């Protein structure tokens, strides 16, 4: 298990520059083994806890901050490795592969000049946080549904708002979206934002009070001619003391799923509220899916003509993307961070997200291991797999490529630690 984990990490990092690859291998082992957890996010104690020497610990830290690597290259190598596995199966519905996008936040309340903020439900306001956009595709490994990350999108250097991040994330996803792929988005995004990004295939969760209009004018009646199509309200809602009734659906469908009856109501060919009817308009269908396990129905929009069962299944496949930040924060232990360099505050969450994805895939590759006698029905979860690695030192006798070795550079004459920082600061002050 330990050797297999090291071999997977080696495949991702072998192409990095000499010296950087070994230092980053040490750093990634620290993350996946959960060494950050008992040290509450402190990097140096966590690296030392994996059995590294003082020099190797400094090199691993330097690789995080100043190493020559980009997360896009590591994600490309990770995707190439996973897709080559014989047991990896993409999940398709009517020929479409779901591609999920979402935004996650690493809270940094004490970080000075934090470049971005994110809404915190408990605080009921936006708090300083490092936010990232996540894009990934959905597949299955040994019967377990997983999200394979494609990209981690940083905030714009000149605009750290979440709105700007969503715009960039949707634009880059549109550029990479293949003809047989369909985007899946949660309710935080509007239909207008998808149209602005020119995304033609999507499944979007709508708000329960969502309304749209028909793409044709209603029949003529006395008075001023109508400018917009008839209003369509998929779900009833209450305004003050008045109940606004729902619009009758264009079609309905029912089917059985695990012995439960699922019902769907469908409205076809709708446009946004302020869109004047025109045959050239971008139209979409709205599905209201009623399931016994949910108090409120799912309200989903898609411009692609699909079966209601497929629409429900495609949106349900959005959930695996939530496991990537969950593993990164709770299983890896990166929810607490103490880095302050502008580049380090971006790089550490990126590596943590990658480590969370690796943990999930490694857990799905091995038989589930119970935590104790009380764990009678264990599952392949990243938390259980991380427990097996936790406390294990870096395996120095592991078989890895000869490319992983310390770079033989003469540095004994250079100042190190705080002395180097003082020298650099003093030189900058003189100039």
Protein backbone atom coordinates (compact mmCIF):
# COMPACT_ATOMS: atom_id res chain seq x y z
CA UNK A 1 0.00 0.00 0.00
CA UNK A 2 2.77 2.43 0.91
CA UNK A 3 4.85 1.39 -2.10
CA UNK A 4 1.85 1.80 -4.40
CA UNK A 5 1.18 5.29 -3.03
CA UNK A 6 4.81 6.28 -3.59
CA UNK A 7 4.72 4.87 -7.13
CA UNK A 8 1.60 6.90 -7.97
CA UNK A 9 3.15 10.10 -6.61
CA UNK A 10 6.37 9.34 -8.51
CA UNK A 11 4.51 9.06 -11.81
CA UNK A 12 3.04 12.54 -11.31
CA UNK A 13 6.29 14.22 -10.32
CA UNK A 14 9.02 12.46 -12.32
CA UNK A 15 8.94 15.02 -15.14
CA UNK A 16 9.69 17.97 -12.82
CA UNK A 17 13.21 19.47 -12.68
CA UNK A 18 15.90 17.51 -10.87
CA UNK A 19 15.78 18.14 -7.14
CA UNK A 20 12.38 19.78 -7.25
CA UNK A 21 10.75 16.43 -8.02
CA UNK A 22 12.25 14.75 -4.93
CA UNK A 23 11.44 17.69 -2.66
CA UNK A 24 7.85 17.81 -3.92
CA UNK A 25 7.59 14.02 -3.51
CA UNK A 26 8.44 14.51 0.17
CA UNK A 27 5.84 17.28 0.40
CA UNK A 28 3.08 15.25 -1.28
CA UNK A 29 3.80 12.30 1.01
CA UNK A 30 3.37 14.63 3.97
CA UNK A 31 -0.05 15.66 2.61
CA UNK A 32 -1.48 12.24 1.70
CA UNK A 33 -0.24 10.65 4.94
CA UNK A 34 -2.21 13.20 6.96
CA UNK A 35 0.83 14.59 8.79
CA UNK A 36 -0.75 18.05 8.81
CA UNK A 37 -3.62 16.92 11.03
CA UNK A 38 -1.82 16.34 14.36
CA UNK A 39 0.25 19.49 13.77
CA UNK A 40 -2.81 21.66 13.03
CA UNK A 41 -1.58 22.78 9.62
CA UNK A 42 2.03 23.63 10.59
CA UNK A 43 4.15 22.58 7.62
CA UNK A 44 7.64 22.30 9.14
CA UNK A 45 6.61 20.03 12.05
CA UNK A 46 4.50 17.94 9.64
CA UNK A 47 7.46 17.46 7.28
CA UNK A 48 9.75 16.54 10.16
CA UNK A 49 7.17 14.04 11.42
CA UNK A 50 7.59 12.05 8.18
CA UNK A 51 11.23 11.32 9.08
CA UNK A 52 12.92 13.93 6.87
CA UNK A 53 16.22 15.51 7.78
CA UNK A 54 16.46 19.24 8.44
CA UNK A 55 17.94 19.82 4.99
CA UNK A 56 15.25 17.74 3.25
CA UNK A 57 12.57 19.62 5.20
CA UNK A 58 13.94 22.95 3.98
CA UNK A 59 14.11 21.68 0.41
CA UNK A 60 10.49 20.47 0.54
CA UNK A 61 9.41 23.88 1.83
CA UNK A 62 11.41 25.63 -0.89
CA UNK A 63 9.80 23.40 -3.54
CA UNK A 64 6.36 24.52 -2.39
CA UNK A 65 7.22 28.20 -2.47
CA UNK A 66 9.73 28.60 -5.29
CA UNK A 67 9.85 25.26 -7.11
CA UNK A 68 9.56 25.24 -10.91
CA UNK A 69 6.19 23.53 -11.33
CA UNK A 70 2.62 24.37 -12.22
CA UNK A 71 -0.51 22.64 -10.99
CA UNK A 72 -1.80 22.32 -14.57
CA UNK A 73 1.10 19.98 -15.43
CA UNK A 74 0.51 17.84 -12.36
CA UNK A 75 -3.23 17.61 -13.09
CA UNK A 76 -2.47 16.62 -16.69
CA UNK A 77 -0.21 13.80 -15.51
CA UNK A 78 -2.81 12.72 -12.94
CA UNK A 79 -5.59 12.57 -15.54
CA UNK A 80 -3.38 10.65 -17.96
CA UNK A 81 -2.56 8.10 -15.28
CA UNK A 82 -6.15 7.59 -14.11
CA UNK A 83 -7.59 7.32 -17.63
CA UNK A 84 -5.04 4.61 -18.45
CA UNK A 85 -6.30 2.43 -15.58
CA UNK A 86 -8.25 -0.56 -16.97
CA UNK A 87 -10.94 -0.24 -14.28
CA UNK A 88 -11.64 3.47 -14.86
CA UNK A 89 -15.01 3.88 -16.58
CA UNK A 90 -16.41 7.29 -17.64
CA UNK A 91 -20.08 7.76 -16.73
CA UNK A 92 -22.13 8.70 -19.79
CA UNK A 93 -25.83 9.39 -20.28
CA UNK A 94 -27.26 9.33 -23.79
CA UNK A 95 -23.68 9.75 -25.00
CA UNK A 96 -22.83 12.76 -22.79
CA UNK A 97 -20.04 12.83 -20.19
CA UNK A 98 -20.81 15.11 -17.19
CA UNK A 99 -18.20 17.80 -16.53
CA UNK A 100 -18.65 19.54 -13.18
CA UNK A 101 -17.56 23.01 -12.11
CA UNK A 102 -17.70 24.38 -8.59
CA UNK A 103 -16.01 26.89 -6.29
CA UNK A 104 -14.41 26.12 -2.93
CA UNK A 105 -12.78 28.28 -0.27
CA UNK A 106 -9.89 27.90 2.17
CA UNK A 107 -10.63 30.27 5.04
CA UNK A 108 -7.80 32.64 5.98
CA UNK A 109 -9.28 35.07 8.55
CA UNK A 110 -5.87 36.20 9.84
CA UNK A 111 -4.17 36.61 6.46
CA UNK A 112 -3.26 40.23 5.85
CA UNK A 113 -4.26 41.62 2.46
CA UNK A 114 -6.16 38.45 1.59
CA UNK A 115 -6.92 38.73 -2.14
CA UNK A 116 -10.46 37.30 -1.98
CA UNK A 117 -13.49 36.63 0.20
CA UNK A 118 -16.19 33.98 0.39
CA UNK A 119 -19.55 33.87 2.12
CA UNK A 120 -19.50 31.92 5.40
CA UNK A 121 -22.93 30.54 6.39
CA UNK A 122 -22.21 30.55 10.13
CA UNK A 123 -20.90 34.12 10.13
CA UNK A 124 -23.59 35.20 7.64
CA UNK A 125 -21.11 37.42 5.83
CA UNK A 126 -18.11 37.19 3.54
CA UNK A 127 -14.83 36.31 5.26
CA UNK A 128 -11.23 36.39 3.96
CA UNK A 129 -10.55 33.20 2.04
CA UNK A 130 -8.51 31.82 -0.83
CA UNK A 131 -11.07 30.67 -3.37
CA UNK A 132 -10.58 28.28 -6.27
CA UNK A 133 -12.66 27.08 -9.17
CA UNK A 134 -12.69 23.31 -9.67
CA UNK A 135 -13.41 21.60 -12.97
CA UNK A 136 -13.57 17.82 -13.29
CA UNK A 137 -15.15 14.93 -15.12
CA UNK A 138 -17.07 12.06 -13.54
CA UNK A 139 -16.14 8.41 -13.76
CA UNK A 140 -16.26 5.19 -11.85
CA UNK A 141 -13.49 3.08 -10.32
CA UNK A 142 -14.32 -0.33 -8.85
CA UNK A 143 -17.98 0.67 -8.61
CA UNK A 144 -17.23 3.94 -6.79
CA UNK A 145 -18.23 7.24 -8.38
CA UNK A 146 -15.38 9.79 -8.42
CA UNK A 147 -14.57 13.18 -9.89
CA UNK A 148 -11.30 13.42 -11.84
CA UNK A 149 -10.08 17.05 -11.64
CA UNK A 150 -9.17 18.83 -14.85
CA UNK A 151 -8.24 22.28 -13.59
CA UNK A 152 -8.01 24.40 -10.45
CA UNK A 153 -8.79 27.99 -11.38
CA UNK A 154 -7.17 30.81 -9.42
CA UNK A 155 -8.69 34.22 -8.90
CA UNK A 156 -7.76 37.01 -11.30
CA UNK A 157 -4.74 39.00 -10.00
CA UNK A 158 -6.52 42.33 -10.54
CA UNK A 159 -10.01 41.23 -9.44
CA UNK A 160 -10.40 38.76 -6.59
CA UNK A 161 -14.19 38.67 -6.66
CA UNK A 162 -16.03 35.37 -6.91
CA UNK A 163 -18.05 36.73 -9.83
CA UNK A 164 -14.85 37.26 -11.83
CA UNK A 165 -13.65 33.78 -10.88
CA UNK A 166 -16.89 32.22 -12.16
CA UNK A 167 -16.58 34.12 -15.44
CA UNK A 168 -13.05 32.85 -16.00
CA UNK A 169 -13.97 29.32 -14.92
CA UNK A 170 -16.93 29.12 -17.30
CA UNK A 171 -14.95 30.64 -20.16
CA UNK A 172 -12.04 28.21 -19.79
CA UNK A 173 -14.41 25.28 -19.36
CA UNK A 174 -16.24 26.26 -22.55
CA UNK A 175 -12.96 26.27 -24.46
CA UNK A 176 -12.13 22.73 -23.31
CA UNK A 177 -15.66 21.26 -23.47
CA UNK A 178 -15.92 18.53 -26.12
CA UNK A 179 -19.01 17.86 -28.24
CA UNK A 180 -19.89 14.77 -26.20
CA UNK A 181 -19.55 16.52 -22.82
CA UNK A 182 -22.19 18.40 -20.83
CA UNK A 183 -21.54 20.93 -18.08
CA UNK A 184 -23.15 20.43 -14.66
CA UNK A 185 -23.51 23.47 -12.38
CA UNK A 186 -25.16 24.11 -9.03
CA UNK A 187 -27.64 26.86 -8.23
CA UNK A 188 -25.02 29.56 -7.61
CA UNK A 189 -24.76 30.22 -11.36
CA UNK A 190 -27.44 31.84 -13.53
CA UNK A 191 -28.62 30.78 -16.97
CA UNK A 192 -27.56 34.18 -18.30
CA UNK A 193 -23.95 33.53 -17.19
CA UNK A 194 -23.88 30.27 -19.14
CA UNK A 195 -25.27 32.00 -22.23
CA UNK A 196 -22.68 34.75 -21.86
CA UNK A 197 -19.94 32.10 -21.80
CA UNK A 198 -21.50 30.58 -24.96
CA UNK A 199 -21.97 27.18 -23.31
CA UNK A 200 -24.47 25.19 -25.37
CA UNK A 201 -24.73 22.00 -23.28
CA UNK A 202 -25.39 22.19 -19.57
CA UNK A 203 -27.56 20.99 -16.69
CA UNK A 204 -28.13 23.76 -14.15
CA UNK A 205 -29.88 23.72 -10.78
CA UNK A 206 -32.40 26.56 -10.59
CA UNK A 207 -33.83 28.45 -7.63
CA UNK A 208 -37.27 27.35 -6.44
CA UNK A 209 -38.71 30.78 -7.37
CA UNK A 210 -37.29 30.68 -10.89
CA UNK A 211 -39.50 31.96 -13.71
CA UNK A 212 -39.04 32.09 -17.48
CA UNK A 213 -41.09 32.96 -20.55
CA UNK A 214 -42.33 31.32 -23.71
CA UNK A 215 -40.44 32.07 -26.90
CA UNK A 216 -43.61 33.22 -28.67
CA UNK A 217 -46.13 35.96 -28.07
CA UNK A 218 -49.47 35.08 -26.52
CA UNK A 219 -52.68 35.38 -28.51
CA UNK A 220 -53.81 38.92 -29.26
CA UNK A 221 -56.13 40.56 -26.73
CA UNK A 222 -57.55 44.04 -26.21
CA UNK A 223 -55.06 46.59 -24.92
CA UNK A 224 -51.37 47.15 -25.41
CA UNK A 225 -49.64 44.45 -27.54
CA UNK A 226 -47.49 42.04 -25.52
CA UNK A 227 -43.73 42.45 -25.80
CA UNK A 228 -42.71 39.22 -24.09
CA UNK A 229 -43.96 35.66 -24.09
CA UNK A 230 -46.25 34.25 -21.41
CA UNK A 231 -44.70 33.83 -17.97
CA UNK A 232 -43.87 30.26 -16.88
CA UNK A 233 -43.63 29.53 -13.16
CA UNK A 234 -42.60 25.87 -12.66
CA UNK A 235 -43.25 25.81 -8.89
CA UNK A 236 -45.93 27.61 -6.87
CA UNK A 237 -44.81 30.20 -4.36
CA UNK A 238 -46.32 32.53 -1.86
CA UNK A 239 -46.08 36.32 -2.15
CA UNK A 240 -47.29 38.06 1.02
CA UNK A 241 -50.71 36.48 1.60
CA UNK A 242 -51.23 35.46 -2.00
CA UNK A 243 -50.29 32.10 -3.46
CA UNK A 244 -48.97 32.23 -7.02
CA UNK A 245 -49.94 29.03 -8.77
CA UNK A 246 -47.56 27.02 -10.94
CA UNK A 247 -47.83 26.88 -14.72
CA UNK A 248 -49.17 23.64 -16.14
CA UNK A 249 -46.33 21.51 -17.56
CA UNK A 250 -45.96 20.69 -21.24
CA UNK A 251 -45.19 17.05 -20.44
CA UNK A 252 -44.92 14.70 -17.46
CA UNK A 253 -43.09 11.45 -16.84
CA UNK A 254 -42.90 8.87 -14.04
CA UNK A 255 -40.53 5.99 -13.43
CA UNK A 256 -39.46 3.63 -10.67
CA UNK A 257 -36.03 3.86 -9.04
CA UNK A 258 -35.09 1.42 -6.28
CA UNK A 259 -38.77 0.80 -5.63
CA UNK A 260 -39.61 4.52 -5.37
CA UNK A 261 -41.70 6.45 -7.85
CA UNK A 262 -40.00 9.51 -9.37
CA UNK A 263 -42.13 12.10 -11.16
CA UNK A 264 -40.97 14.81 -13.55
CA UNK A 265 -42.78 17.84 -14.97
CA UNK A 266 -41.31 19.42 -18.10
CA UNK A 267 -41.59 22.85 -19.75
CA UNK A 268 -40.11 23.10 -23.24
CA UNK A 269 -38.57 25.91 -25.28
CA UNK A 270 -38.26 28.64 -22.64
CA UNK A 271 -36.25 31.87 -22.66
CA UNK A 272 -35.18 34.30 -19.95
CA UNK A 273 -37.65 36.84 -18.65
CA UNK A 274 -36.32 39.89 -20.50
CA UNK A 275 -35.86 38.13 -23.83
CA UNK A 276 -38.06 39.23 -26.72
CA UNK A 277 -39.47 36.20 -28.60
CA UNK A 278 -37.42 35.28 -31.65
CA UNK A 279 -36.86 31.91 -33.40
CA UNK A 280 -33.08 32.55 -33.16
CA UNK A 281 -33.12 32.76 -29.35
CA UNK A 282 -31.27 30.25 -27.18
CA UNK A 283 -33.99 28.19 -25.55
CA UNK A 284 -33.87 25.67 -22.73
CA UNK A 285 -36.12 23.13 -21.05
CA UNK A 286 -36.96 23.09 -17.36
CA UNK A 287 -37.48 19.85 -15.41
CA UNK A 288 -39.11 19.71 -11.97
CA UNK A 289 -38.15 16.31 -10.53
CA UNK A 290 -40.06 15.08 -7.49
CA UNK A 291 -38.42 12.34 -5.39
CA UNK A 292 -39.70 10.98 -2.04
CA UNK A 293 -36.37 11.58 -0.25
CA UNK A 294 -36.37 15.34 -0.94
CA UNK A 295 -38.74 17.88 0.60
CA UNK A 296 -38.52 20.18 -2.42
CA UNK A 297 -38.26 19.12 -6.04
CA UNK A 298 -35.12 19.60 -8.10
CA UNK A 299 -35.60 22.36 -10.64
CA UNK A 300 -33.14 21.77 -13.48
CA UNK A 301 -32.57 23.58 -16.77
CA UNK A 302 -30.88 22.22 -19.90
CA UNK A 303 -30.90 23.24 -23.58
CA UNK A 304 -30.29 19.61 -24.60
CA UNK A 305 -33.27 17.35 -25.26
CA UNK A 306 -32.80 14.50 -22.79
CA UNK A 307 -34.90 11.95 -20.98
CA UNK A 308 -35.93 13.05 -17.47
CA UNK A 309 -34.06 10.05 -16.03
CA UNK A 310 -30.87 11.23 -17.72
CA UNK A 311 -31.28 14.82 -16.49
CA UNK A 312 -31.68 13.59 -12.93
CA UNK A 313 -28.69 11.24 -13.20
CA UNK A 314 -26.44 13.90 -14.78
CA UNK A 315 -27.14 16.39 -12.02
CA UNK A 316 -26.69 13.72 -9.37
CA UNK A 317 -23.20 13.13 -10.73
CA UNK A 318 -22.29 16.67 -9.63
CA UNK A 319 -21.88 15.53 -6.04
CA UNK A 320 -18.46 13.76 -6.38
CA UNK A 321 -16.78 17.13 -6.99
CA UNK A 322 -17.62 18.01 -3.38
CA UNK A 323 -15.37 15.19 -2.17
CA UNK A 324 -12.19 16.83 -3.54
CA UNK A 325 -12.20 19.87 -1.19
CA UNK A 326 -13.66 17.72 1.61
CA UNK A 327 -10.68 15.36 1.41
CA UNK A 328 -8.24 18.25 1.06
CA UNK A 329 -9.50 20.04 4.16
CA UNK A 330 -10.68 17.32 6.54
CA UNK A 331 -8.64 14.25 5.51
CA UNK A 332 -5.39 15.93 4.44
CA UNK A 333 -5.69 18.59 7.16
CA UNK A 334 -5.28 21.68 5.00
CA UNK A 335 -8.25 23.56 6.47
CA UNK A 336 -5.74 25.42 8.68
CA UNK A 337 -2.91 27.13 6.80
CA UNK A 338 -0.10 29.37 7.98
CA UNK A 339 1.64 30.41 4.76
CA UNK A 340 1.69 34.10 3.85
CA UNK A 341 3.76 34.47 0.70
CA UNK A 342 1.41 35.51 -2.17
CA UNK A 343 2.44 32.50 -4.25
CA UNK A 344 2.45 30.03 -1.36
CA UNK A 345 -1.12 30.92 -0.33
CA UNK A 346 -2.20 29.75 -3.80
CA UNK A 347 0.12 26.76 -4.19
CA UNK A 348 -0.60 25.05 -0.88
CA UNK A 349 -4.38 24.74 -1.49
CA UNK A 350 -3.69 23.52 -5.04
CA UNK A 351 -1.48 20.71 -3.79
CA UNK A 352 -3.96 19.93 -1.02
CA UNK A 353 -6.79 19.59 -3.54
CA UNK A 354 -4.63 17.30 -5.68
CA UNK A 355 -3.72 15.24 -2.61
CA UNK A 356 -7.42 14.94 -1.73
CA UNK A 357 -8.19 13.62 -5.20
CA UNK A 358 -5.29 11.15 -5.00
CA UNK A 359 -6.51 9.88 -1.62
CA UNK A 360 -9.99 9.24 -3.01
CA UNK A 361 -8.64 7.26 -5.95
CA UNK A 362 -6.20 5.27 -3.81
CA UNK A 363 -9.02 4.42 -1.42
CA UNK A 364 -11.13 3.14 -4.32
CA UNK A 365 -8.21 1.00 -5.55
CA UNK A 366 -7.85 -1.09 -2.36
CA UNK A 367 -10.28 -3.21 -0.36
CA UNK A 368 -11.91 -1.22 2.46
CA UNK A 369 -10.12 -1.49 5.79
CA UNK A 370 -12.22 -1.16 8.95
CA UNK A 371 -11.19 1.44 11.50
CA UNK A 372 -11.81 -1.01 14.35
CA UNK A 373 -14.10 -3.79 15.51
CA UNK A 374 -17.01 -1.33 15.52
CA UNK A 375 -16.60 -0.62 11.81
CA UNK A 376 -18.64 -3.57 10.57
CA UNK A 377 -19.41 -2.29 7.08
CA UNK A 378 -16.36 -0.29 5.98
CA UNK A 379 -16.35 1.57 2.69
CA UNK A 380 -13.62 2.78 0.38
CA UNK A 381 -13.27 6.28 1.79
CA UNK A 382 -10.24 8.60 1.75
CA UNK A 383 -10.42 8.93 5.54
CA UNK A 384 -9.97 5.20 6.12
CA UNK A 385 -7.11 5.03 3.63
CA UNK A 386 -5.41 8.04 5.21
CA UNK A 387 -5.53 6.33 8.61
CA UNK A 388 -3.43 3.51 7.18
CA UNK A 389 -0.75 5.96 6.03
CA UNK A 390 -0.86 8.29 9.03
CA UNK A 391 2.26 8.24 11.16
CA UNK A 392 4.27 6.36 8.53
CA UNK A 393 7.67 7.91 7.72
CA UNK A 394 8.69 8.53 4.16
CA UNK A 395 9.81 5.12 2.82
CA UNK A 396 13.47 5.76 2.01
CA UNK A 397 13.86 2.24 0.64
CA UNK A 398 10.99 2.65 -1.85
CA UNK A 399 11.79 1.82 -5.47
CA UNK A 400 11.58 5.07 -7.41
CA UNK A 401 13.13 6.41 -10.58
CA UNK A 402 16.75 7.53 -10.61
CA UNK A 403 15.43 10.95 -11.64
CA UNK A 404 14.44 11.50 -8.01
CA UNK A 405 17.62 12.65 -6.35
CA UNK A 406 19.02 15.65 -4.62
CA UNK A 407 20.39 18.27 -6.96
CA UNK A 408 24.14 18.49 -6.45
CA UNK A 409 24.38 22.27 -6.25
CA UNK A 410 26.97 23.95 -4.05
CA UNK A 411 25.04 26.07 -1.54
CA UNK A 412 27.23 25.85 1.55
CA UNK A 413 28.49 29.41 0.98
CA UNK A 414 24.99 30.88 0.82
CA UNK A 415 23.18 32.25 3.90
CA UNK A 416 20.13 30.27 4.90
CA UNK A 417 16.93 30.83 6.84
CA UNK A 418 16.39 34.21 8.45
CA UNK A 419 19.94 35.28 7.55
CA UNK A 420 19.15 35.03 3.85
CA UNK A 421 15.94 36.98 4.34
CA UNK A 422 17.73 39.74 6.23
CA UNK A 423 20.39 39.96 3.54
CA UNK A 424 17.77 40.18 0.80
CA UNK A 425 15.75 42.78 2.66
CA UNK A 426 18.83 44.87 3.41
CA UNK A 427 19.97 44.78 -0.24
CA UNK A 428 16.53 45.88 -1.43
CA UNK A 429 16.52 48.76 1.07
CA UNK A 430 19.93 50.01 -0.14
CA UNK A 431 18.92 49.96 -3.82
